[in-house]
Protein backbone atom coordinates (compact mmCIF):
# COMPACT_ATOMS: atom_id res chain seq x y z
CA MET A 1 -0.03 -0.21 0.14
CA SER A 2 1.39 3.34 -0.59
CA ASP A 3 1.98 6.38 1.19
CA GLU A 4 -1.16 8.13 -0.34
CA GLN A 5 -3.35 5.19 0.22
CA ASP A 6 -2.41 5.20 4.05
CA LEU A 7 -3.35 8.97 4.40
CA GLU A 8 -6.69 8.66 2.59
CA PRO A 9 -8.75 7.82 6.01
CA LEU A 10 -6.96 10.48 7.70
CA MET A 11 -7.59 13.11 4.78
CA HIS A 12 -11.30 12.19 4.45
CA ALA A 13 -11.73 12.69 8.21
CA ILE A 14 -10.40 16.17 8.31
CA ASP A 15 -12.63 17.19 5.75
CA PHE A 16 -15.79 16.95 8.09
CA TRP A 17 -17.15 20.25 9.15
CA GLN A 18 -14.85 22.13 6.92
CA THR A 19 -17.37 23.23 3.99
CA ILE A 20 -20.51 24.38 3.45
CA GLU A 21 -22.25 22.74 0.45
CA PRO A 22 -25.39 23.66 -1.86
CA PRO A 23 -28.79 22.34 -0.72
CA GLY A 24 -29.30 18.70 -2.01
CA THR A 25 -25.50 17.92 -2.49
CA TRP A 26 -26.35 14.72 -0.14
CA ASP A 27 -29.56 12.89 0.45
CA CYS A 28 -30.96 13.38 4.20
CA SER A 29 -34.38 11.96 3.65
CA ARG A 30 -35.85 9.43 6.27
CA GLN A 31 -35.01 6.85 3.54
CA ALA A 32 -31.27 7.76 3.20
CA ARG A 33 -28.67 5.35 4.08
CA PHE A 34 -25.17 6.40 5.39
CA ASP A 35 -21.36 5.10 5.52
CA ASP A 36 -19.27 7.40 7.50
CA LEU A 37 -20.86 10.70 6.63
CA TYR A 38 -24.22 12.06 7.80
CA PRO A 39 -25.51 15.48 6.08
CA ALA A 40 -26.84 18.17 8.61
CA ALA A 41 -29.24 20.83 6.88
CA LEU A 42 -28.93 24.35 7.82
CA PRO A 43 -32.40 26.57 7.77
CA ASP A 44 -31.70 27.66 4.35
CA GLY A 45 -30.98 24.12 3.30
CA ARG A 46 -27.24 24.40 3.00
CA GLN A 47 -25.51 21.37 4.16
CA ILE A 48 -22.32 20.29 6.04
CA ALA A 49 -20.87 17.00 6.46
CA LEU A 50 -20.86 15.30 9.89
CA PRO A 51 -18.87 12.11 10.81
CA VAL A 52 -20.82 9.00 11.94
CA ARG A 53 -19.59 7.96 15.43
CA VAL A 54 -20.01 4.16 16.10
CA ARG A 55 -21.25 3.17 19.79
CA SER A 56 -22.27 0.44 21.49
CA GLY A 57 -20.26 -2.28 20.02
CA GLY A 58 -21.90 -1.31 16.43
CA GLU A 59 -25.57 -1.41 17.63
CA GLU A 60 -26.12 2.43 17.01
CA ALA A 61 -24.21 5.45 15.72
CA LEU A 62 -24.47 9.28 16.19
CA PRO A 63 -23.79 12.23 13.84
CA SER A 64 -20.68 14.24 15.68
CA LEU A 65 -20.24 18.04 15.78
CA ILE A 66 -16.67 19.35 16.96
CA LEU A 67 -17.09 22.84 16.56
CA ASN A 68 -13.72 23.88 17.52
CA GLN A 69 -12.39 21.75 14.71
CA ALA A 70 -14.67 23.46 12.21
CA ALA A 71 -13.81 25.84 9.53
CA PHE A 72 -14.69 29.72 10.19
CA ALA A 73 -17.08 29.79 7.43
CA VAL A 74 -18.98 26.73 9.19
CA VAL A 75 -18.69 28.45 12.74
CA ASP A 76 -20.03 31.75 10.94
CA ALA A 77 -22.82 29.81 9.24
CA LEU A 78 -24.04 28.00 12.50
CA SER A 79 -23.64 31.20 14.72
CA GLU A 80 -25.53 33.28 12.33
CA ALA A 81 -28.28 30.79 12.14
CA LEU A 82 -28.51 30.69 15.72
CA ALA A 83 -28.57 34.31 16.42
CA ASP A 84 -31.32 34.54 13.85
CA ARG A 85 -33.30 31.88 15.85
CA LEU A 86 -32.44 33.76 18.90
CA LYS A 87 -33.61 37.39 17.94
CA VAL A 88 -37.15 36.80 18.74
CA HIS A 89 -36.29 36.22 22.32
CA ARG A 90 -34.80 39.41 22.82
CA PRO A 91 -31.63 38.02 24.31
CA GLU A 92 -29.25 40.89 26.29
CA VAL A 93 -26.35 38.46 26.88
CA ILE A 94 -25.00 35.24 25.78
CA VAL A 95 -23.78 32.59 28.38
CA GLY A 96 -21.35 29.99 27.01
CA MET A 97 -21.03 26.57 28.17
CA PRO A 98 -17.47 25.05 28.09
CA THR A 99 -15.58 23.67 26.34
CA LEU A 100 -16.89 23.49 22.84
CA GLY A 101 -19.83 25.86 23.15
CA LEU A 102 -17.74 28.80 24.10
CA THR A 103 -16.79 29.26 20.36
CA LEU A 104 -20.38 29.20 19.59
CA ALA A 105 -21.60 31.61 22.27
CA ALA A 106 -18.90 33.94 21.43
CA GLU A 107 -19.69 34.01 17.48
CA THR A 108 -23.42 34.19 18.59
CA ALA A 109 -22.97 36.84 20.78
CA ARG A 110 -21.12 38.99 17.91
CA LYS A 111 -24.08 38.21 15.37
CA LEU A 112 -26.39 39.79 17.61
CA GLY A 113 -24.31 42.95 18.01
CA HIS A 114 -23.28 42.23 21.62
CA ASP A 115 -19.93 43.59 23.17
CA ARG A 116 -19.07 40.55 24.98
CA TYR A 117 -20.39 37.07 26.45
CA VAL A 118 -20.34 35.56 29.80
CA PRO A 119 -18.25 32.23 29.71
CA LEU A 120 -18.70 29.50 32.34
CA GLY A 121 -15.79 27.38 33.33
CA THR A 122 -14.26 24.13 34.71
CA SER A 123 -11.09 25.67 35.85
CA ARG A 124 -11.28 27.23 39.17
CA LYS A 125 -9.65 30.24 39.85
CA PHE A 126 -8.35 31.34 43.43
CA TRP A 127 -11.38 34.29 43.52
CA TYR A 128 -14.13 31.71 42.53
CA ASP A 129 -16.75 30.87 45.19
CA ILE A 130 -17.41 27.16 45.42
CA ALA A 131 -21.01 28.12 46.17
CA LEU A 132 -21.21 29.56 42.64
CA SER A 133 -20.51 25.88 41.19
CA VAL A 134 -22.29 22.68 40.07
CA PRO A 135 -20.96 19.16 39.42
CA LEU A 136 -20.68 18.74 35.65
CA ASN A 137 -21.25 15.62 33.69
CA SER A 138 -20.63 15.17 29.77
CA ILE A 139 -20.76 12.47 27.46
CA THR A 140 -17.74 13.57 25.92
CA SER A 141 -15.79 13.12 28.87
CA PRO A 142 -17.14 10.04 30.52
CA GLY A 143 -15.67 9.33 34.25
CA GLN A 144 -14.26 12.66 34.59
CA GLU A 145 -15.40 14.42 37.60
CA LYS A 146 -15.70 18.17 36.93
CA ARG A 147 -17.36 21.32 38.46
CA LEU A 148 -18.79 24.06 36.36
CA TYR A 149 -18.16 27.57 37.65
CA ILE A 150 -19.20 31.12 37.07
CA ASP A 151 -17.07 33.89 37.84
CA PRO A 152 -18.36 35.96 40.55
CA ARG A 153 -17.34 39.19 38.76
CA MET A 154 -19.69 38.06 35.79
CA LEU A 155 -22.64 38.48 37.92
CA PRO A 156 -23.59 42.00 37.67
CA LEU A 157 -23.65 41.32 33.52
CA LEU A 158 -26.59 39.07 34.12
CA GLU A 159 -28.62 40.93 37.02
CA ASN A 160 -31.99 41.79 35.54
CA ARG A 161 -30.97 40.86 32.23
CA ARG A 162 -32.23 38.66 29.39
CA PHE A 163 -29.89 35.85 28.83
CA VAL A 164 -29.28 32.81 26.95
CA LEU A 165 -27.39 29.62 27.71
CA VAL A 166 -25.49 28.40 24.71
CA ASP A 167 -23.65 25.00 23.99
CA ASP A 168 -22.51 23.53 20.75
CA VAL A 169 -24.56 20.22 21.32
CA ILE A 170 -27.21 18.94 23.25
CA SER A 171 -26.53 15.10 23.57
CA THR A 172 -27.75 13.41 26.69
CA GLY A 173 -28.99 16.80 28.24
CA ALA A 174 -26.57 16.72 31.44
CA SER A 175 -24.24 19.33 30.57
CA MET A 176 -26.75 21.64 29.76
CA ALA A 177 -28.70 20.83 32.84
CA SER A 178 -25.65 21.36 34.66
CA GLY A 179 -25.44 24.94 33.28
CA TYR A 180 -29.04 25.60 33.96
CA ARG A 181 -28.68 24.54 37.69
CA LEU A 182 -25.62 26.83 38.05
CA LEU A 183 -27.55 30.02 36.55
CA GLN A 184 -30.45 29.29 38.78
CA LYS A 185 -28.64 29.25 41.68
CA SER A 186 -26.15 32.39 40.76
CA ALA A 187 -28.09 34.36 38.18
CA GLY A 188 -31.61 33.44 37.52
CA GLU A 189 -33.65 31.93 34.76
CA PRO A 190 -32.47 31.89 31.15
CA VAL A 191 -34.92 32.99 28.46
CA VAL A 192 -33.51 30.24 26.18
CA LEU A 193 -31.29 27.18 26.19
CA ALA A 194 -29.56 27.05 22.61
CA ALA A 195 -27.36 24.85 20.66
CA ALA A 196 -25.94 24.39 17.13
CA MET A 197 -26.94 20.70 17.10
CA LEU A 198 -29.48 18.57 19.09
CA GLN A 199 -28.24 14.94 18.98
CA THR A 200 -31.37 12.64 18.90
CA ARG A 201 -33.98 13.34 21.61
CA ARG A 202 -32.27 11.60 24.65
CA TRP A 203 -31.92 14.95 26.39
CA VAL A 204 -35.51 15.73 26.73
CA ASP A 205 -36.01 13.82 30.37
CA CYS A 206 -33.05 14.98 31.48
CA LEU A 207 -33.66 18.78 31.13
CA ASP A 208 -37.31 18.20 32.41
CA SER A 209 -36.16 16.50 35.45
CA ALA A 210 -34.02 19.75 36.05
CA ARG A 211 -37.29 21.76 35.99
CA THR A 212 -40.81 20.72 34.54
CA GLY A 213 -41.11 21.95 30.82
CA LEU A 214 -37.59 23.07 30.53
CA SER A 215 -37.11 21.10 27.20
CA GLN A 216 -39.79 23.21 25.77
CA LYS A 217 -37.06 26.19 26.19
CA VAL A 218 -34.33 24.65 23.63
CA CYS A 219 -33.78 26.34 20.39
CA SER A 220 -31.15 24.83 17.77
CA VAL A 221 -30.04 25.37 14.31
CA PHE A 222 -30.47 21.51 13.19
CA GLU A 223 -31.47 18.10 14.82
CA VAL A 224 -29.90 14.80 13.93
CA PRO A 225 -31.16 11.01 14.68
CA ARG A 226 -29.82 8.29 16.15
CA LEU A 227 -28.65 5.73 13.32
CA VAL A 228 -29.09 2.27 13.42
CA PRO A 229 -27.43 -0.66 11.14
CA ASP A 230 -29.95 -1.23 7.99
CA GLY A 231 -28.46 -5.00 7.55
CA ALA A 232 -26.60 -4.17 4.44
CA GLY A 233 -23.42 -2.48 5.83
CA LYS A 234 -24.79 1.03 6.16
CA TRP A 235 -26.48 3.39 8.76
CA MET A 236 -30.09 4.65 8.37
CA ALA A 237 -32.24 7.06 10.86
CA ASP A 238 -33.87 5.19 13.78
CA ALA A 239 -37.61 5.16 13.02
């Protein structure tokens, strides 16, 4: 096998979330079948390629988005689409979830014409108050015990303001629920919970356990389904 052939899988992998393609570039209907690429459609119909991540020993797979590896054009498109979705809620401050949600939160705030945003964090600075923190669980960092903090000096920015909590992806809902609980105890009620991508609907029960009906406050650019084997070596959307 040549060096060029050895590099083919790697080169294909780094193509994900790097370009925005015209509407209809890939079939994303309920009848479509997928190999290692799932096409996500933006509100205007344009598409971006997401890698298919196999889970549970091959019994299921999920489309994945790692926003801090995306091309600037993709980040711009997603943040602009999310800002458009949020305008109806009249947000005055954007709050970002670490780590991957911070990129989207910052750019969404810029698209809304804000001068700054409020980042949450997992690294405790010496002036932080442990009372202004909550446990944090994440599907992308299993087994890691973390806490989510808000800088006490950021609280005046949120006082009596309409603020939105932003993450890149809502998957199980655990991370977003942690962010919601932290804001509830420190700053008040977010007007919206927002993300670029909703990964299946597994997050609904988790958010509603944090507060009844909280899942109804979620806003996103697009949703992706759980994928299951089609019996012929490909993946299809779970019915």
